[in-house]
Amino acid sequence: MSQTTADDRLIVAMDVPDALAGLKLAEQLGDTVSFYKIGLGMLTGGGLALANEMKHELGKKIFLDMKLFDIGATVESAVRGLAQFDLDFLTVHGDPNVVRAAKEGAAGKDMKILAVTILTSLDRSDLDGALVKPGDIRDLVQERAGNAFAAGADGVIASPQEAGLIRALPEAAGKLIVTPGVRPAGAALGDQKRVATPATAIADGADHIVVGRPIWQASNPRAAALAILDELKTA
C-alpha cells in the first residue's frame, strides 16, 4: 500500500510493548504516518516480524534502531542478516570501525547505515561517568559525526541541538541527519535532555525527526501526529 498523504520527515518511534500493540498504533495512525522506528526494546516482542510486515504488507518505511556495537566481523554479519529484510535505516554506534563493518554488511542493499553520535539522553556528567574525553558535548557530537561520515556512514543520529553544527560540516553534503529528542511545545521531556521542537529541528538541518511518546501516549495518536505534521509545514 503506497503512502500518498504522509510526510516521511516524521518518523514515529514505536516504543510499545509488542508487535500487536505496534500494529494497533499503525492502524490508529493510518495514512498520516509513513515511517516508523522499531527499536531494541521491541526485539523480544516480535520486532523483526513487525518490521517485515509493516514494510512489505503495509508499505511503510522502517527504521530499525538496534545501535549495534561489537567487533567488526560480528557487526558485519549482523548487518548482512538484517539487510535481507530490505528495511530503510539501521543504526550502529558511530565508532569508525563499527561503521565500516556495517557498510560492508549492507553492501548491495539499499538500507542506509546511520551512526549514533552521542545518545540524546546523555549530558556532560553522563559522559564524565563513561570516561569520555573532556569537551563541550556539541563539539564532541560534531567530531564523531565527521568521523562517521569519513568511515562511510549514510547519515547520523544526533540531537536537534547539534543538527546545525553537523549540517555545516563539508562531509555532511548528501548525508542524512535524523534527530530523536524532538518534543512538541508543551510536551514532557521524559528521559531526553537535549531537545527541540519539530519545526526547529528541521529548520536547523535535520532530514527526519523521531517522535515517540508524544504520539503513542496521546489519547488520540492520530491527532497528535497531525499536529506535528502541521508544524513541519512551517519549518
C-alpha atoms as a PDB file:
ATOM      1  CA  MET A   1       0.000   0.000   0.000  1.00  0.00           C
ATOM      2  CA  SER A   2       1.645   3.238  -1.086  1.00  0.00           C
ATOM      3  CA  GLN A   3       1.598   6.319   1.106  1.00  0.00           C
ATOM      4  CA  THR A   4       0.367   9.494  -0.582  1.00  0.00           C
ATOM      5  CA  THR A   5      -0.613  11.844   2.230  1.00  0.00           C
ATOM      6  CA  ALA A   6       2.122  11.308   4.800  1.00  0.00           C
ATOM      7  CA  ASP A   7       5.288  13.352   5.266  1.00  0.00           C
ATOM      8  CA  ASP A   8       8.183  10.953   5.800  1.00  0.00           C
ATOM      9  CA  ARG A   9      10.191  13.610   7.630  1.00  0.00           C
ATOM     10  CA  LEU A  10       8.208  12.395  10.651  1.00  0.00           C
ATOM     11  CA  ILE A  11       9.335   9.026  11.967  1.00  0.00           C
ATOM     12  CA  VAL A  12       7.157   7.621  14.735  1.00  0.00           C
ATOM     13  CA  ALA A  13       9.071   5.668  17.374  1.00  0.00           C
ATOM     14  CA  MET A  14       7.078   2.512  18.004  1.00  0.00           C
ATOM     15  CA  ASP A  15       8.265   2.078  21.596  1.00  0.00           C
ATOM     16  CA  VAL A  16       5.272  -0.038  22.543  1.00  0.00           C
ATOM     17  CA  PRO A  17       5.451  -3.427  24.326  1.00  0.00           C
ATOM     18  CA  ASP A  18       4.977  -5.843  21.439  1.00  0.00           C
ATOM     19  CA  ALA A  19       4.066  -6.341  17.796  1.00  0.00           C
ATOM     20  CA  LEU A  20       0.331  -6.439  18.448  1.00  0.00           C
ATOM     21  CA  ALA A  21       0.466  -3.028  20.124  1.00  0.00           C
ATOM     22  CA  GLY A  22       2.583  -1.819  17.219  1.00  0.00           C
ATOM     23  CA  LEU A  23       0.053  -2.930  14.638  1.00  0.00           C
ATOM     24  CA  LYS A  24      -2.714  -1.277  16.649  1.00  0.00           C
ATOM     25  CA  LEU A  25      -0.781   2.003  16.673  1.00  0.00           C
ATOM     26  CA  ALA A  26      -0.153   1.784  12.926  1.00  0.00           C
ATOM     27  CA  GLU A  27      -3.880   1.207  12.402  1.00  0.00           C
ATOM     28  CA  GLN A  28      -4.727   4.263  14.537  1.00  0.00           C
ATOM     29  CA  LEU A  29      -2.283   6.450  12.611  1.00  0.00           C
ATOM     30  CA  GLY A  30      -3.325   5.101   9.221  1.00  0.00           C
ATOM     31  CA  ASP A  31      -2.150   7.072   6.215  1.00  0.00           C
ATOM     32  CA  THR A  32      -0.964  10.029   8.292  1.00  0.00           C
ATOM     33  CA  VAL A  33       2.375   8.316   9.029  1.00  0.00           C
ATOM     34  CA  SER A  34       4.594   6.545   6.516  1.00  0.00           C
ATOM     35  CA  PHE A  35       7.788   5.972   8.541  1.00  0.00           C
ATOM     36  CA  TYR A  36       8.253   4.030  11.790  1.00  0.00           C
ATOM     37  CA  LYS A  37      11.170   3.308  14.098  1.00  0.00           C
ATOM     38  CA  ILE A  38      11.366  -0.121  15.715  1.00  0.00           C
ATOM     39  CA  GLY A  39      13.973  -0.348  18.430  1.00  0.00           C
ATOM     40  CA  LEU A  40      15.799  -2.742  20.696  1.00  0.00           C
ATOM     41  CA  GLY A  41      13.035  -2.740  23.302  1.00  0.00           C
ATOM     42  CA  MET A  42      10.689  -4.349  20.771  1.00  0.00           C
ATOM     43  CA  LEU A  43      13.153  -7.041  19.726  1.00  0.00           C
ATOM     44  CA  THR A  44      11.811  -9.753  22.041  1.00  0.00           C
ATOM     45  CA  GLY A  45       8.226  -8.646  21.383  1.00  0.00           C
ATOM     46  CA  GLY A  46       8.234  -9.591  17.712  1.00  0.00           C
ATOM     47  CA  GLY A  47      10.031  -6.502  16.440  1.00  0.00           C
ATOM     48  CA  LEU A  48      11.662  -8.042  13.378  1.00  0.00           C
ATOM     49  CA  ALA A  49       8.444  -9.738  12.311  1.00  0.00           C
ATOM     50  CA  LEU A  50       6.611  -6.449  12.807  1.00  0.00           C
ATOM     51  CA  ALA A  51       9.204  -4.580  10.754  1.00  0.00           C
ATOM     52  CA  ASN A  52       8.848  -7.089   7.933  1.00  0.00           C
ATOM     53  CA  GLU A  53       5.035  -6.966   7.974  1.00  0.00           C
ATOM     54  CA  MET A  54       4.864  -3.184   8.077  1.00  0.00           C
ATOM     55  CA  LYS A  55       7.397  -2.850   5.272  1.00  0.00           C
ATOM     56  CA  HIS A  56       6.130  -5.472   2.877  1.00  0.00           C
ATOM     57  CA  GLU A  57       2.417  -5.695   3.672  1.00  0.00           C
ATOM     58  CA  LEU A  58       1.561  -2.163   4.840  1.00  0.00           C
ATOM     59  CA  GLY A  59       4.015  -0.302   2.610  1.00  0.00           C
ATOM     60  CA  LYS A  60       5.657   1.639   5.433  1.00  0.00           C
ATOM     61  CA  LYS A  61       9.265   2.760   5.649  1.00  0.00           C
ATOM     62  CA  ILE A  62      11.120   1.180   8.556  1.00  0.00           C
ATOM     63  CA  PHE A  63      13.983   2.473  10.680  1.00  0.00           C
ATOM     64  CA  LEU A  64      15.462  -0.418  12.668  1.00  0.00           C
ATOM     65  CA  ASP A  65      17.131   1.164  15.677  1.00  0.00           C
ATOM     66  CA  MET A  66      19.485  -1.516  17.002  1.00  0.00           C
ATOM     67  CA  LYS A  67      22.534   0.670  17.772  1.00  0.00           C
ATOM     68  CA  LEU A  68      24.852  -2.223  17.016  1.00  0.00           C
ATOM     69  CA  PHE A  69      28.269  -2.256  18.674  1.00  0.00           C
ATOM     70  CA  ASP A  70      30.712  -5.179  18.570  1.00  0.00           C
ATOM     71  CA  ILE A  71      33.859  -6.369  16.843  1.00  0.00           C
ATOM     72  CA  GLY A  72      33.891  -5.771  13.122  1.00  0.00           C
ATOM     73  CA  ALA A  73      33.198  -9.321  11.979  1.00  0.00           C
ATOM     74  CA  THR A  74      30.170  -9.602  14.255  1.00  0.00           C
ATOM     75  CA  VAL A  75      28.734  -6.252  13.178  1.00  0.00           C
ATOM     76  CA  GLU A  76      29.238  -7.108   9.517  1.00  0.00           C
ATOM     77  CA  SER A  77      27.483 -10.456   9.951  1.00  0.00           C
ATOM     78  CA  ALA A  78      24.588  -8.973  11.905  1.00  0.00           C
ATOM     79  CA  VAL A  79      24.039  -6.210   9.368  1.00  0.00           C
ATOM     80  CA  ARG A  80      24.173  -8.655   6.464  1.00  0.00           C
ATOM     81  CA  GLY A  81      21.414 -10.663   8.109  1.00  0.00           C
ATOM     82  CA  LEU A  82      19.263  -7.618   8.847  1.00  0.00           C
ATOM     83  CA  ALA A  83      19.770  -6.254   5.340  1.00  0.00           C
ATOM     84  CA  GLN A  84      17.833  -9.226   3.960  1.00  0.00           C
ATOM     85  CA  PHE A  85      14.640  -7.631   5.315  1.00  0.00           C
ATOM     86  CA  ASP A  86      15.068  -4.729   2.833  1.00  0.00           C
ATOM     87  CA  LEU A  87      14.438  -2.129   5.533  1.00  0.00           C
ATOM     88  CA  ASP A  88      15.295   1.546   5.137  1.00  0.00           C
ATOM     89  CA  PHE A  89      17.522   2.660   8.045  1.00  0.00           C
ATOM     90  CA  LEU A  90      19.673   0.784  10.556  1.00  0.00           C
ATOM     91  CA  THR A  91      21.641   2.336  13.416  1.00  0.00           C
ATOM     92  CA  VAL A  92      25.087   1.379  14.644  1.00  0.00           C
ATOM     93  CA  HIS A  93      27.346   3.163  17.096  1.00  0.00           C
ATOM     94  CA  GLY A  94      29.413   5.854  15.417  1.00  0.00           C
ATOM     95  CA  ASP A  95      32.885   4.423  16.028  1.00  0.00           C
ATOM     96  CA  PRO A  96      34.569   4.346  12.591  1.00  0.00           C
ATOM     97  CA  ASN A  97      35.487   0.648  12.791  1.00  0.00           C
ATOM     98  CA  VAL A  98      31.847  -0.226  13.538  1.00  0.00           C
ATOM     99  CA  VAL A  99      30.558   1.973  10.703  1.00  0.00           C
ATOM    100  CA  ARG A 100      32.972   0.436   8.195  1.00  0.00           C
ATOM    101  CA  ALA A 101      31.937  -3.080   9.188  1.00  0.00           C
ATOM    102  CA  ALA A 102      28.251  -2.186   8.936  1.00  0.00           C
ATOM    103  CA  LYS A 103      28.712  -0.761   5.449  1.00  0.00           C
ATOM    104  CA  GLU A 104      30.388  -4.000   4.389  1.00  0.00           C
ATOM    105  CA  GLY A 105      27.430  -5.951   5.731  1.00  0.00           C
ATOM    106  CA  ALA A 106      24.938  -3.713   3.903  1.00  0.00           C
ATOM    107  CA  ALA A 107      26.795  -3.874   0.584  1.00  0.00           C
ATOM    108  CA  GLY A 108      24.451  -4.326  -2.353  1.00  0.00           C
ATOM    109  CA  LYS A 109      21.367  -3.317  -0.379  1.00  0.00           C
ATOM    110  CA  ASP A 110      19.518  -0.011  -0.168  1.00  0.00           C
ATOM    111  CA  MET A 111      19.429   0.030   3.648  1.00  0.00           C
ATOM    112  CA  LYS A 112      21.071   3.189   4.989  1.00  0.00           C
ATOM    113  CA  ILE A 113      23.581   2.912   7.843  1.00  0.00           C
ATOM    114  CA  LEU A 114      23.095   5.682  10.404  1.00  0.00           C
ATOM    115  CA  ALA A 115      25.758   6.294  13.022  1.00  0.00           C
ATOM    116  CA  VAL A 116      24.858   7.208  16.602  1.00  0.00           C
ATOM    117  CA  THR A 117      26.950  10.147  17.778  1.00  0.00           C
ATOM    118  CA  ILE A 118      26.063  10.676  21.466  1.00  0.00           C
ATOM    119  CA  LEU A 119      22.724   9.481  22.812  1.00  0.00           C
ATOM    120  CA  THR A 120      20.221  12.292  23.351  1.00  0.00           C
ATOM    121  CA  SER A 121      19.543  11.065  26.892  1.00  0.00           C
ATOM    122  CA  LEU A 122      23.146  11.899  27.921  1.00  0.00           C
ATOM    123  CA  ASP A 123      24.682  15.117  29.167  1.00  0.00           C
ATOM    124  CA  ARG A 124      28.254  16.061  30.113  1.00  0.00           C
ATOM    125  CA  SER A 125      28.037  14.466  33.566  1.00  0.00           C
ATOM    126  CA  ASP A 126      26.996  11.180  31.956  1.00  0.00           C
ATOM    127  CA  LEU A 127      29.966  11.359  29.596  1.00  0.00           C
ATOM    128  CA  ASP A 128      32.300  12.016  32.519  1.00  0.00           C
ATOM    129  CA  GLY A 129      30.999   8.867  34.189  1.00  0.00           C
ATOM    130  CA  ALA A 130      31.680   6.923  30.992  1.00  0.00           C
ATOM    131  CA  LEU A 131      35.255   8.317  30.814  1.00  0.00           C
ATOM    132  CA  VAL A 132      34.565  10.115  27.530  1.00  0.00           C
ATOM    133  CA  LYS A 133      37.195  12.763  26.805  1.00  0.00           C
ATOM    134  CA  PRO A 134      36.572  16.298  28.100  1.00  0.00           C
ATOM    135  CA  GLY A 135      34.939  18.878  25.903  1.00  0.00           C
ATOM    136  CA  ASP A 136      31.654  20.513  25.057  1.00  0.00           C
ATOM    137  CA  ILE A 137      29.127  17.860  24.105  1.00  0.00           C
ATOM    138  CA  ARG A 138      28.179  19.656  20.903  1.00  0.00           C
ATOM    139  CA  ASP A 139      31.798  19.710  19.754  1.00  0.00           C
ATOM    140  CA  LEU A 140      32.149  16.001  20.502  1.00  0.00           C
ATOM    141  CA  VAL A 141      28.986  15.193  18.560  1.00  0.00           C
ATOM    142  CA  GLN A 142      30.228  17.170  15.567  1.00  0.00           C
ATOM    143  CA  GLU A 143      33.600  15.415  15.719  1.00  0.00           C
ATOM    144  CA  ARG A 144      32.014  11.963  15.964  1.00  0.00           C
ATOM    145  CA  ALA A 145      29.698  12.784  13.076  1.00  0.00           C
ATOM    146  CA  GLY A 146      32.599  13.834  10.883  1.00  0.00           C
ATOM    147  CA  ASN A 147      34.497  10.644  11.703  1.00  0.00           C
ATOM    148  CA  ALA A 148      31.413   8.526  10.949  1.00  0.00           C
ATOM    149  CA  PHE A 149      30.890  10.216   7.588  1.00  0.00           C
ATOM    150  CA  ALA A 150      34.552   9.636   6.738  1.00  0.00           C
ATOM    151  CA  ALA A 151      34.055   5.945   7.557  1.00  0.00           C
ATOM    152  CA  GLY A 152      31.163   5.746   5.087  1.00  0.00           C
ATOM    153  CA  ALA A 153      28.026   6.341   7.172  1.00  0.00           C
ATOM    154  CA  ASP A 154      24.976   7.328   5.142  1.00  0.00           C
ATOM    155  CA  GLY A 155      23.857   9.591   7.962  1.00  0.00           C
ATOM    156  CA  VAL A 156      23.965  10.211  11.683  1.00  0.00           C
ATOM    157  CA  ILE A 157      21.696  10.275  14.695  1.00  0.00           C
ATOM    158  CA  ALA A 158      22.110  13.428  16.765  1.00  0.00           C
ATOM    159  CA  SER A 159      20.037  15.655  18.980  1.00  0.00           C
ATOM    160  CA  PRO A 160      18.317  18.597  17.268  1.00  0.00           C
ATOM    161  CA  GLN A 161      20.630  20.916  19.189  1.00  0.00           C
ATOM    162  CA  GLU A 162      23.568  19.620  17.134  1.00  0.00           C
ATOM    163  CA  ALA A 163      21.845  19.284  13.744  1.00  0.00           C
ATOM    164  CA  GLY A 164      23.028  22.690  12.524  1.00  0.00           C
ATOM    165  CA  LEU A 165      26.642  22.053  13.516  1.00  0.00           C
ATOM    166  CA  ILE A 166      26.648  18.713  11.709  1.00  0.00           C
ATOM    167  CA  ARG A 167      24.945  20.093   8.614  1.00  0.00           C
ATOM    168  CA  ALA A 168      27.717  22.710   8.396  1.00  0.00           C
ATOM    169  CA  LEU A 169      30.390  20.018   8.014  1.00  0.00           C
ATOM    170  CA  PRO A 170      31.711  19.661   4.446  1.00  0.00           C
ATOM    171  CA  GLU A 171      31.491  15.878   4.931  1.00  0.00           C
ATOM    172  CA  ALA A 172      27.744  16.177   5.604  1.00  0.00           C
ATOM    173  CA  ALA A 173      26.878  17.027   1.994  1.00  0.00           C
ATOM    174  CA  GLY A 174      24.373  14.454   0.761  1.00  0.00           C
ATOM    175  CA  LYS A 175      24.182  12.755   4.162  1.00  0.00           C
ATOM    176  CA  LEU A 176      21.156  12.222   6.397  1.00  0.00           C
ATOM    177  CA  ILE A 177      20.639  13.775   9.814  1.00  0.00           C
ATOM    178  CA  VAL A 178      17.988  12.080  11.934  1.00  0.00           C
ATOM    179  CA  THR A 179      17.045  13.670  15.240  1.00  0.00           C
ATOM    180  CA  PRO A 180      15.396  11.996  18.203  1.00  0.00           C
ATOM    181  CA  GLY A 181      14.820  14.141  21.277  1.00  0.00           C
ATOM    182  CA  VAL A 182      12.078  16.053  19.457  1.00  0.00           C
ATOM    183  CA  ARG A 183       9.189  17.266  21.572  1.00  0.00           C
ATOM    184  CA  PRO A 184       6.229  19.411  20.505  1.00  0.00           C
ATOM    185  CA  ALA A 185       5.867  22.591  22.546  1.00  0.00           C
ATOM    186  CA  GLY A 186       4.458  21.773  25.978  1.00  0.00           C
ATOM    187  CA  ALA A 187       5.244  18.043  25.822  1.00  0.00           C
ATOM    188  CA  ALA A 188       7.006  16.302  28.706  1.00  0.00           C
ATOM    189  CA  LEU A 189      10.731  15.752  28.160  1.00  0.00           C
ATOM    190  CA  GLY A 190      10.740  12.200  29.545  1.00  0.00           C
ATOM    191  CA  ASP A 191      14.295  10.861  29.602  1.00  0.00           C
ATOM    192  CA  GLN A 192      15.542  13.239  26.913  1.00  0.00           C
ATOM    193  CA  LYS A 193      17.965  16.016  27.896  1.00  0.00           C
ATOM    194  CA  ARG A 194      18.859  17.675  24.563  1.00  0.00           C
ATOM    195  CA  VAL A 195      15.605  18.539  22.824  1.00  0.00           C
ATOM    196  CA  ALA A 196      13.904  20.912  20.363  1.00  0.00           C
ATOM    197  CA  THR A 197      10.538  21.320  18.711  1.00  0.00           C
ATOM    198  CA  PRO A 198       9.821  19.596  15.363  1.00  0.00           C
ATOM    199  CA  ALA A 199       9.978  22.744  13.230  1.00  0.00           C
ATOM    200  CA  THR A 200      13.199  23.908  14.880  1.00  0.00           C
ATOM    201  CA  ALA A 201      14.889  20.548  14.288  1.00  0.00           C
ATOM    202  CA  ILE A 202      14.038  20.602  10.577  1.00  0.00           C
ATOM    203  CA  ALA A 203      15.000  24.255  10.213  1.00  0.00           C
ATOM    204  CA  ASP A 204      18.370  23.520  11.817  1.00  0.00           C
ATOM    205  CA  GLY A 205      19.245  20.849   9.269  1.00  0.00           C
ATOM    206  CA  ALA A 206      17.541  17.578  10.216  1.00  0.00           C
ATOM    207  CA  ASP A 207      16.100  15.458   7.403  1.00  0.00           C
ATOM    208  CA  HIS A 208      13.911  13.388   9.714  1.00  0.00           C
ATOM    209  CA  ILE A 209      12.634  13.794  13.255  1.00  0.00           C
ATOM    210  CA  VAL A 210      11.787  10.894  15.563  1.00  0.00           C
ATOM    211  CA  VAL A 211       8.818  11.306  17.900  1.00  0.00           C
ATOM    212  CA  GLY A 212       7.566   8.593  20.232  1.00  0.00           C
ATOM    213  CA  ARG A 213       5.714   9.162  23.462  1.00  0.00           C
ATOM    214  CA  PRO A 214       4.047  12.465  22.497  1.00  0.00           C
ATOM    215  CA  ILE A 215       2.246  10.433  19.802  1.00  0.00           C
ATOM    216  CA  TRP A 216       1.715   6.914  21.105  1.00  0.00           C
ATOM    217  CA  GLN A 217       0.882   8.016  24.654  1.00  0.00           C
ATOM    218  CA  ALA A 218      -1.615  10.602  23.406  1.00  0.00           C
ATOM    219  CA  SER A 219      -5.330   9.973  23.925  1.00  0.00           C
ATOM    220  CA  ASN A 220      -5.665  10.474  20.173  1.00  0.00           C
ATOM    221  CA  PRO A 221      -2.398   9.434  18.464  1.00  0.00           C
ATOM    222  CA  ARG A 222      -3.641  10.378  15.009  1.00  0.00           C
ATOM    223  CA  ALA A 223      -4.490  13.919  16.107  1.00  0.00           C
ATOM    224  CA  ALA A 224      -1.103  14.229  17.835  1.00  0.00           C
ATOM    225  CA  ALA A 225       0.681  13.133  14.648  1.00  0.00           C
ATOM    226  CA  LEU A 226      -1.354  15.537  12.528  1.00  0.00           C
ATOM    227  CA  ALA A 227      -0.447  18.425  14.838  1.00  0.00           C
ATOM    228  CA  ILE A 228       3.247  17.642  14.388  1.00  0.00           C
ATOM    229  CA  LEU A 229       2.827  17.359  10.614  1.00  0.00           C
ATOM    230  CA  ASP A 230       1.127  20.752  10.568  1.00  0.00           C
ATOM    231  CA  GLU A 231       4.084  22.201  12.473  1.00  0.00           C
ATOM    232  CA  LEU A 232       6.530  20.665   9.989  1.00  0.00           C
ATOM    233  CA  LYS A 233       4.820  22.583   7.177  1.00  0.00           C
ATOM    234  CA  THR A 234       6.050  25.789   8.824  1.00  0.00           C
ATOM    235  CA  ALA A 235       9.679  24.649   9.032  1.00  0.00           C
END
